[in-house]
PDB file of N, CA and C in Angstrom:
ATOM      1  N   MET A   1      28.920 128.884  63.631  1.00  0.00           N
ATOM      2  CA  MET A   1      30.268 128.551  64.040  1.00  0.00           C
ATOM      3  C   MET A   1      30.292 128.286  65.546  1.00  0.00           C
ATOM      4  N   ALA A   2      31.162 127.399  65.989  1.00  0.00           N
ATOM      5  CA  ALA A   2      31.194 126.971  67.387  1.00  0.00           C
ATOM      6  C   ALA A   2      32.189 127.817  68.183  1.00  0.00           C
ATOM      7  N   TYR A   3      31.771 129.025  68.532  1.00  0.00           N
ATOM      8  CA  TYR A   3      32.664 129.907  69.290  1.00  0.00           C
ATOM      9  C   TYR A   3      32.867 129.427  70.712  1.00  0.00           C
ATOM     10  N   GLY A   4      31.846 128.795  71.298  1.00  0.00           N
ATOM     11  CA  GLY A   4      31.979 128.257  72.653  1.00  0.00           C
ATOM     12  C   GLY A   4      33.084 127.222  72.733  1.00  0.00           C
ATOM     13  N   HIS A   5      33.156 126.391  71.696  1.00  0.00           N
ATOM     14  CA  HIS A   5      34.205 125.366  71.647  1.00  0.00           C
ATOM     15  C   HIS A   5      35.583 126.020  71.526  1.00  0.00           C
ATOM     16  N   LEU A   6      35.672 127.054  70.718  1.00  0.00           N
ATOM     17  CA  LEU A   6      36.937 127.780  70.550  1.00  0.00           C
ATOM     18  C   LEU A   6      37.371 128.404  71.873  1.00  0.00           C
ATOM     19  N   ALA A   7      36.411 129.013  72.576  1.00  0.00           N
ATOM     20  CA  ALA A   7      36.730 129.621  73.870  1.00  0.00           C
ATOM     21  C   ALA A   7      37.210 128.562  74.853  1.00  0.00           C
ATOM     22  N   SER A   8      36.579 127.409  74.828  1.00  0.00           N
ATOM     23  CA  SER A   8      36.977 126.312  75.708  1.00  0.00           C
ATOM     24  C   SER A   8      38.392 125.832  75.373  1.00  0.00           C
ATOM     25  N   ASP A   9      38.692 125.729  74.091  1.00  0.00           N
ATOM     26  CA  ASP A   9      40.036 125.324  73.666  1.00  0.00           C
ATOM     27  C   ASP A   9      41.087 126.334  74.122  1.00  0.00           C
ATOM     28  N   VAL A  10      40.786 127.602  73.980  1.00  0.00           N
ATOM     29  CA  VAL A  10      41.722 128.651  74.402  1.00  0.00           C
ATOM     30  C   VAL A  10      41.907 128.601  75.909  1.00  0.00           C
ATOM     31  N   ARG A  11      40.811 128.447  76.642  1.00  0.00           N
ATOM     32  CA  ARG A  11      40.882 128.370  78.104  1.00  0.00           C
ATOM     33  C   ARG A  11      41.753 127.172  78.531  1.00  0.00           C
ATOM     34  N   ASN A  12      41.533 126.023  77.907  1.00  0.00           N
ATOM     35  CA  ASN A  12      42.329 124.838  78.227  1.00  0.00           C
ATOM     36  C   ASN A  12      43.804 125.054  77.899  1.00  0.00           C
ATOM     37  N   PHE A  13      44.074 125.731  76.813  1.00  0.00           N
ATOM     38  CA  PHE A  13      45.448 126.055  76.438  1.00  0.00           C
ATOM     39  C   PHE A  13      46.097 126.950  77.493  1.00  0.00           C
ATOM     40  N   LEU A  14      45.367 127.965  77.954  1.00  0.00           N
ATOM     41  CA  LEU A  14      45.896 128.875  78.973  1.00  0.00           C
ATOM     42  C   LEU A  14      46.124 128.168  80.300  1.00  0.00           C
ATOM     43  N   ILE A  15      45.216 127.285  80.673  1.00  0.00           N
ATOM     44  CA  ILE A  15      45.372 126.521  81.914  1.00  0.00           C
ATOM     45  C   ILE A  15      46.609 125.633  81.829  1.00  0.00           C
ATOM     46  N   ALA A  16      46.765 124.944  80.716  1.00  0.00           N
ATOM     47  CA  ALA A  16      47.935 124.073  80.540  1.00  0.00           C
ATOM     48  C   ALA A  16      49.222 124.880  80.591  1.00  0.00           C
ATOM     49  N   GLY A  17      49.216 126.060  79.983  1.00  0.00           N
ATOM     50  CA  GLY A  17      50.404 126.920  80.009  1.00  0.00           C
ATOM     51  C   GLY A  17      50.733 127.390  81.409  1.00  0.00           C
ATOM     52  N   SER A  18      49.717 127.772  82.177  1.00  0.00           N
ATOM     53  CA  SER A  18      49.948 128.219  83.551  1.00  0.00           C
ATOM     54  C   SER A  18      50.485 127.083  84.417  1.00  0.00           C
ATOM     55  N   ARG A  19      49.978 125.880  84.197  1.00  0.00           N
ATOM     56  CA  ARG A  19      50.488 124.717  84.948  1.00  0.00           C
ATOM     57  C   ARG A  19      51.954 124.455  84.600  1.00  0.00           C
ATOM     58  N   LYS A  20      52.278 124.586  83.340  1.00  0.00           N
ATOM     59  CA  LYS A  20      53.661 124.371  82.901  1.00  0.00           C
ATOM     60  C   LYS A  20      54.592 125.413  83.528  1.00  0.00           C
ATOM     61  N   VAL A  21      54.151 126.661  83.556  1.00  0.00           N
ATOM     62  CA  VAL A  21      54.941 127.733  84.161  1.00  0.00           C
ATOM     63  C   VAL A  21      55.141 127.466  85.649  1.00  0.00           C
ATOM     64  N   ALA A  22      54.061 127.089  86.347  1.00  0.00           N
ATOM     65  CA  ALA A  22      54.158 126.802  87.790  1.00  0.00           C
ATOM     66  C   ALA A  22      55.125 125.645  88.045  1.00  0.00           C
ATOM     67  N   ASP A  23      55.065 124.602  87.217  1.00  0.00           N
ATOM     68  CA  ASP A  23      55.994 123.480  87.370  1.00  0.00           C
ATOM     69  C   ASP A  23      57.444 123.923  87.166  1.00  0.00           C
ATOM     70  N   HIS A  24      57.653 124.820  86.235  1.00  0.00           N
ATOM     71  CA  HIS A  24      58.997 125.350  85.984  1.00  0.00           C
ATOM     72  C   HIS A  24      59.517 126.089  87.223  1.00  0.00           C
ATOM     73  N   TYR A  25      58.662 126.925  87.814  1.00  0.00           N
ATOM     74  CA  TYR A  25      59.069 127.641  89.025  1.00  0.00           C
ATOM     75  C   TYR A  25      59.358 126.683  90.174  1.00  0.00           C
ATOM     76  N   LYS A  26      58.613 125.597  90.260  1.00  0.00           N
ATOM     77  CA  LYS A  26      58.871 124.595  91.305  1.00  0.00           C
ATOM     78  C   LYS A  26      60.249 123.982  91.133  1.00  0.00           C
ATOM     79  N   ARG A  27      60.633 123.720  89.887  1.00  0.00           N
ATOM     80  CA  ARG A  27      61.980 123.187  89.639  1.00  0.00           C
ATOM     81  C   ARG A  27      63.050 124.221  89.988  1.00  0.00           C
ATOM     82  N   LEU A  28      62.780 125.482  89.698  1.00  0.00           N
ATOM     83  CA  LEU A  28      63.736 126.531  90.046  1.00  0.00           C
ATOM     84  C   LEU A  28      63.896 126.657  91.560  1.00  0.00           C
ATOM     85  N   ILE A  29      62.797 126.538  92.300  1.00  0.00           N
ATOM     86  CA  ILE A  29      62.864 126.588  93.767  1.00  0.00           C
ATOM     87  C   ILE A  29      63.766 125.481  94.285  1.00  0.00           C
ATOM     88  N   ALA A  30      63.643 124.300  93.701  1.00  0.00           N
ATOM     89  CA  ALA A  30      64.435 123.161  94.152  1.00  0.00           C
ATOM     90  C   ALA A  30      65.930 123.353  93.918  1.00  0.00           C
ATOM     91  N   ASN A  31      66.277 124.272  93.031  1.00  0.00           N
ATOM     92  CA  ASN A  31      67.687 124.434  92.661  1.00  0.00           C
ATOM     93  C   ASN A  31      68.286 125.775  93.079  1.00  0.00           C
ATOM     94  N   THR A  32      67.613 126.481  93.983  1.00  0.00           N
ATOM     95  CA  THR A  32      68.181 127.754  94.427  1.00  0.00           C
ATOM     96  C   THR A  32      68.403 127.734  95.931  1.00  0.00           C
ATOM     97  N   ASN A  33      69.430 128.440  96.353  1.00  0.00           N
ATOM     98  CA  ASN A  33      69.710 128.594  97.784  1.00  0.00           C
ATOM     99  C   ASN A  33      69.420 130.012  98.258  1.00  0.00           C
ATOM    100  N   ASP A  34      69.028 130.867  97.340  1.00  0.00           N
ATOM    101  CA  ASP A  34      68.775 132.268  97.652  1.00  0.00           C
ATOM    102  C   ASP A  34      67.328 132.448  98.122  1.00  0.00           C
ATOM    103  N   ALA A  35      67.157 132.952  99.340  1.00  0.00           N
ATOM    104  CA  ALA A  35      65.820 133.108  99.924  1.00  0.00           C
ATOM    105  C   ALA A  35      64.966 134.095  99.133  1.00  0.00           C
ATOM    106  N   GLY A  36      65.557 135.173  98.652  1.00  0.00           N
ATOM    107  CA  GLY A  36      64.812 136.159  97.876  1.00  0.00           C
ATOM    108  C   GLY A  36      64.318 135.583  96.564  1.00  0.00           C
ATOM    109  N   GLU A  37      65.171 134.839  95.910  1.00  0.00           N
ATOM    110  CA  GLU A  37      64.799 134.201  94.651  1.00  0.00           C
ATOM    111  C   GLU A  37      63.693 133.165  94.887  1.00  0.00           C
ATOM    112  N   ARG A  38      63.839 132.403  95.963  1.00  0.00           N
ATOM    113  CA  ARG A  38      62.833 131.398  96.304  1.00  0.00           C
ATOM    114  C   ARG A  38      61.465 132.058  96.526  1.00  0.00           C
ATOM    115  N   GLN A  39      61.442 133.175  97.249  1.00  0.00           N
ATOM    116  CA  GLN A  39      60.177 133.862  97.507  1.00  0.00           C
ATOM    117  C   GLN A  39      59.569 134.396  96.212  1.00  0.00           C
ATOM    118  N   LEU A  40      60.406 134.882  95.324  1.00  0.00           N
ATOM    119  CA  LEU A  40      59.934 135.347  94.022  1.00  0.00           C
ATOM    120  C   LEU A  40      59.212 134.221  93.289  1.00  0.00           C
ATOM    121  N   TYR A  41      59.802 133.036  93.278  1.00  0.00           N
ATOM    122  CA  TYR A  41      59.194 131.890  92.595  1.00  0.00           C
ATOM    123  C   TYR A  41      57.911 131.456  93.292  1.00  0.00           C
ATOM    124  N   ILE A  42      57.893 131.487  94.606  1.00  0.00           N
ATOM    125  CA  ILE A  42      56.676 131.137  95.352  1.00  0.00           C
ATOM    126  C   ILE A  42      55.551 132.095  94.994  1.00  0.00           C
ATOM    127  N   ASP A  43      55.864 133.380  94.929  1.00  0.00           N
ATOM    128  CA  ASP A  43      54.861 134.377  94.555  1.00  0.00           C
ATOM    129  C   ASP A  43      54.344 134.147  93.133  1.00  0.00           C
ATOM    130  N   ARG A  44      55.234 133.786  92.250  1.00  0.00           N
ATOM    131  CA  ARG A  44      54.831 133.550  90.863  1.00  0.00           C
ATOM    132  C   ARG A  44      53.984 132.285  90.744  1.00  0.00           C
ATOM    133  N   ILE A  45      54.293 131.277  91.528  1.00  0.00           N
ATOM    134  CA  ILE A  45      53.470 130.063  91.547  1.00  0.00           C
ATOM    135  C   ILE A  45      52.069 130.404  92.038  1.00  0.00           C
ATOM    136  N   ALA A  46      51.985 131.240  93.067  1.00  0.00           N
ATOM    137  CA  ALA A  46      50.673 131.654  93.584  1.00  0.00           C
ATOM    138  C   ALA A  46      49.884 132.403  92.511  1.00  0.00           C
ATOM    139  N   ARG A  47      50.561 133.263  91.755  1.00  0.00           N
ATOM    140  CA  ARG A  47      49.895 134.004  90.677  1.00  0.00           C
ATOM    141  C   ARG A  47      49.358 133.049  89.615  1.00  0.00           C
ATOM    142  N   GLU A  48      50.155 132.072  89.235  1.00  0.00           N
ATOM    143  CA  GLU A  48      49.713 131.093  88.235  1.00  0.00           C
ATOM    144  C   GLU A  48      48.553 130.267  88.779  1.00  0.00           C
ATOM    145  N   SER A  49      48.597 129.928  90.061  1.00  0.00           N
ATOM    146  CA  SER A  49      47.507 129.163  90.676  1.00  0.00           C
ATOM    147  C   SER A  49      46.203 129.952  90.652  1.00  0.00           C
ATOM    148  N   ARG A  50      46.288 131.251  90.914  1.00  0.00           N
ATOM    149  CA  ARG A  50      45.086 132.096  90.847  1.00  0.00           C
ATOM    150  C   ARG A  50      44.543 132.137  89.421  1.00  0.00           C
ATOM    151  N   ALA A  51      45.431 132.217  88.458  1.00  0.00           N
ATOM    152  CA  ALA A  51      44.995 132.241  87.053  1.00  0.00           C
ATOM    153  C   ALA A  51      44.314 130.927  86.689  1.00  0.00           C
ATOM    154  N   ILE A  52      44.890 129.815  87.110  1.00  0.00           N
ATOM    155  CA  ILE A  52      44.299 128.508  86.833  1.00  0.00           C
ATOM    156  C   ILE A  52      42.922 128.407  87.475  1.00  0.00           C
ATOM    157  N   GLN A  53      42.819 128.845  88.716  1.00  0.00           N
ATOM    158  CA  GLN A  53      41.535 128.788  89.417  1.00  0.00           C
ATOM    159  C   GLN A  53      40.489 129.645  88.709  1.00  0.00           C
ATOM    160  N   ALA A  54      40.845 130.856  88.345  1.00  0.00           N
ATOM    161  CA  ALA A  54      39.897 131.751  87.687  1.00  0.00           C
ATOM    162  C   ALA A  54      39.464 131.184  86.337  1.00  0.00           C
ATOM    163  N   LEU A  55      40.392 130.654  85.579  1.00  0.00           N
ATOM    164  CA  LEU A  55      40.063 130.090  84.272  1.00  0.00           C
ATOM    165  C   LEU A  55      39.207 128.849  84.418  1.00  0.00           C
ATOM    166  N   SER A  56      39.472 128.058  85.448  1.00  0.00           N
ATOM    167  CA  SER A  56      38.713 126.826  85.675  1.00  0.00           C
ATOM    168  C   SER A  56      37.294 127.115  86.130  1.00  0.00           C
ATOM    169  N   GLU A  57      37.139 128.138  86.954  1.00  0.00           N
ATOM    170  CA  GLU A  57      35.825 128.437  87.539  1.00  0.00           C
ATOM    171  C   GLU A  57      34.884 129.112  86.564  1.00  0.00           C
ATOM    172  N   ASN A  58      35.350 130.152  85.887  1.00  0.00           N
ATOM    173  CA  ASN A  58      34.411 130.922  85.084  1.00  0.00           C
ATOM    174  C   ASN A  58      34.985 131.447  83.777  1.00  0.00           C
ATOM    175  N   GLY A  59      36.157 130.998  83.430  1.00  0.00           N
ATOM    176  CA  GLY A  59      36.741 131.460  82.185  1.00  0.00           C
ATOM    177  C   GLY A  59      37.374 132.837  82.264  1.00  0.00           C
ATOM    178  N   GLY A  60      37.401 133.433  83.464  1.00  0.00           N
ATOM    179  CA  GLY A  60      38.008 134.742  83.637  1.00  0.00           C
ATOM    180  C   GLY A  60      39.476 134.624  83.948  1.00  0.00           C
ATOM    181  N   TYR A  61      40.140 135.726  84.015  1.00  0.00           N
ATOM    182  CA  TYR A  61      41.575 135.742  84.334  1.00  0.00           C
ATOM    183  C   TYR A  61      41.816 136.693  85.480  1.00  0.00           C
ATOM    184  N   ALA A  62      42.502 136.176  86.493  1.00  0.00           N
ATOM    185  CA  ALA A  62      42.808 136.998  87.672  1.00  0.00           C
ATOM    186  C   ALA A  62      44.311 137.181  87.767  1.00  0.00           C
ATOM    187  N   GLY A  63      44.897 137.843  86.786  1.00  0.00           N
ATOM    188  CA  GLY A  63      46.346 138.035  86.717  1.00  0.00           C
ATOM    189  C   GLY A  63      46.842 138.823  87.823  1.00  0.00           C
TER     190      GLY A  63
END
Protein backbone atom coordinates (compact mmCIF):
# COMPACT_ATOMS: atom_id res chain seq x y z
CA MET A 1 0.00 0.00 0.00
CA ALA A 2 1.22 3.53 -0.79
CA TYR A 3 1.36 5.13 2.64
CA GLY A 4 3.87 7.75 1.48
CA HIS A 5 1.35 8.98 -1.07
CA LEU A 6 -1.36 9.11 1.60
CA ALA A 7 0.91 11.11 3.90
CA SER A 8 1.67 13.50 1.05
CA ASP A 9 -2.05 13.94 0.32
CA VAL A 10 -2.77 14.66 3.98
CA ARG A 11 0.13 17.12 4.17
CA ASN A 12 -1.11 18.93 1.05
CA PHE A 13 -4.61 19.05 2.51
CA LEU A 14 -3.29 20.58 5.75
CA ILE A 15 -1.20 23.14 3.87
CA ALA A 16 -4.19 24.16 1.75
CA GLY A 17 -6.33 24.48 4.88
CA SER A 18 -3.75 26.64 6.64
CA ARG A 19 -3.50 28.91 3.59
CA LYS A 20 -7.28 29.24 3.51
CA VAL A 21 -7.36 30.13 7.21
CA ALA A 22 -4.58 32.73 6.77
CA ASP A 23 -6.45 34.29 3.83
CA HIS A 24 -9.58 34.49 5.97
CA TYR A 25 -7.68 36.33 8.71
CA LYS A 26 -6.28 38.73 6.11
CA ARG A 27 -9.83 39.59 5.05
CA LEU A 28 -10.81 40.10 8.69
CA ILE A 29 -7.86 42.47 9.20
CA ALA A 30 -9.03 44.53 6.25
CA ASN A 31 -12.45 44.94 7.84
CA THR A 32 -11.61 45.78 11.44
CA ASN A 33 -10.74 49.06 13.10
CA ASP A 34 -9.90 47.51 16.46
CA ALA A 35 -6.14 47.35 17.10
CA GLY A 36 -6.44 44.43 19.52
CA GLU A 37 -8.48 42.40 17.08
CA ARG A 38 -6.05 43.23 14.28
CA GLN A 39 -3.10 42.02 16.36
CA LEU A 40 -4.95 38.80 17.17
CA TYR A 41 -5.40 38.12 13.45
CA ILE A 42 -1.77 38.99 12.71
CA ASP A 43 -0.65 36.51 15.37
CA ARG A 44 -2.92 33.84 13.94
CA ILE A 45 -1.59 34.44 10.43
CA ALA A 46 1.94 34.00 11.78
CA ARG A 47 0.90 30.72 13.43
CA GLU A 48 -0.58 29.43 10.17
CA SER A 49 2.56 30.52 8.29
CA ARG A 50 4.73 28.53 10.70
CA ALA A 51 2.50 25.49 10.19
CA ILE A 52 2.74 25.84 6.41
CA GLN A 53 6.51 26.17 6.59
CA ALA A 54 6.90 23.15 8.87
CA LEU A 55 4.61 21.01 6.72
CA SER A 56 6.38 22.12 3.54
CA GLU A 57 9.88 21.49 4.87
CA ASN A 58 9.63 18.15 6.60
CA GLY A 59 6.04 17.12 7.07
CA GLY A 60 6.08 18.17 10.73
CA TYR A 61 3.73 20.54 12.48
CA ALA A 62 4.84 23.53 14.49
CA GLY A 63 1.51 24.59 16.00
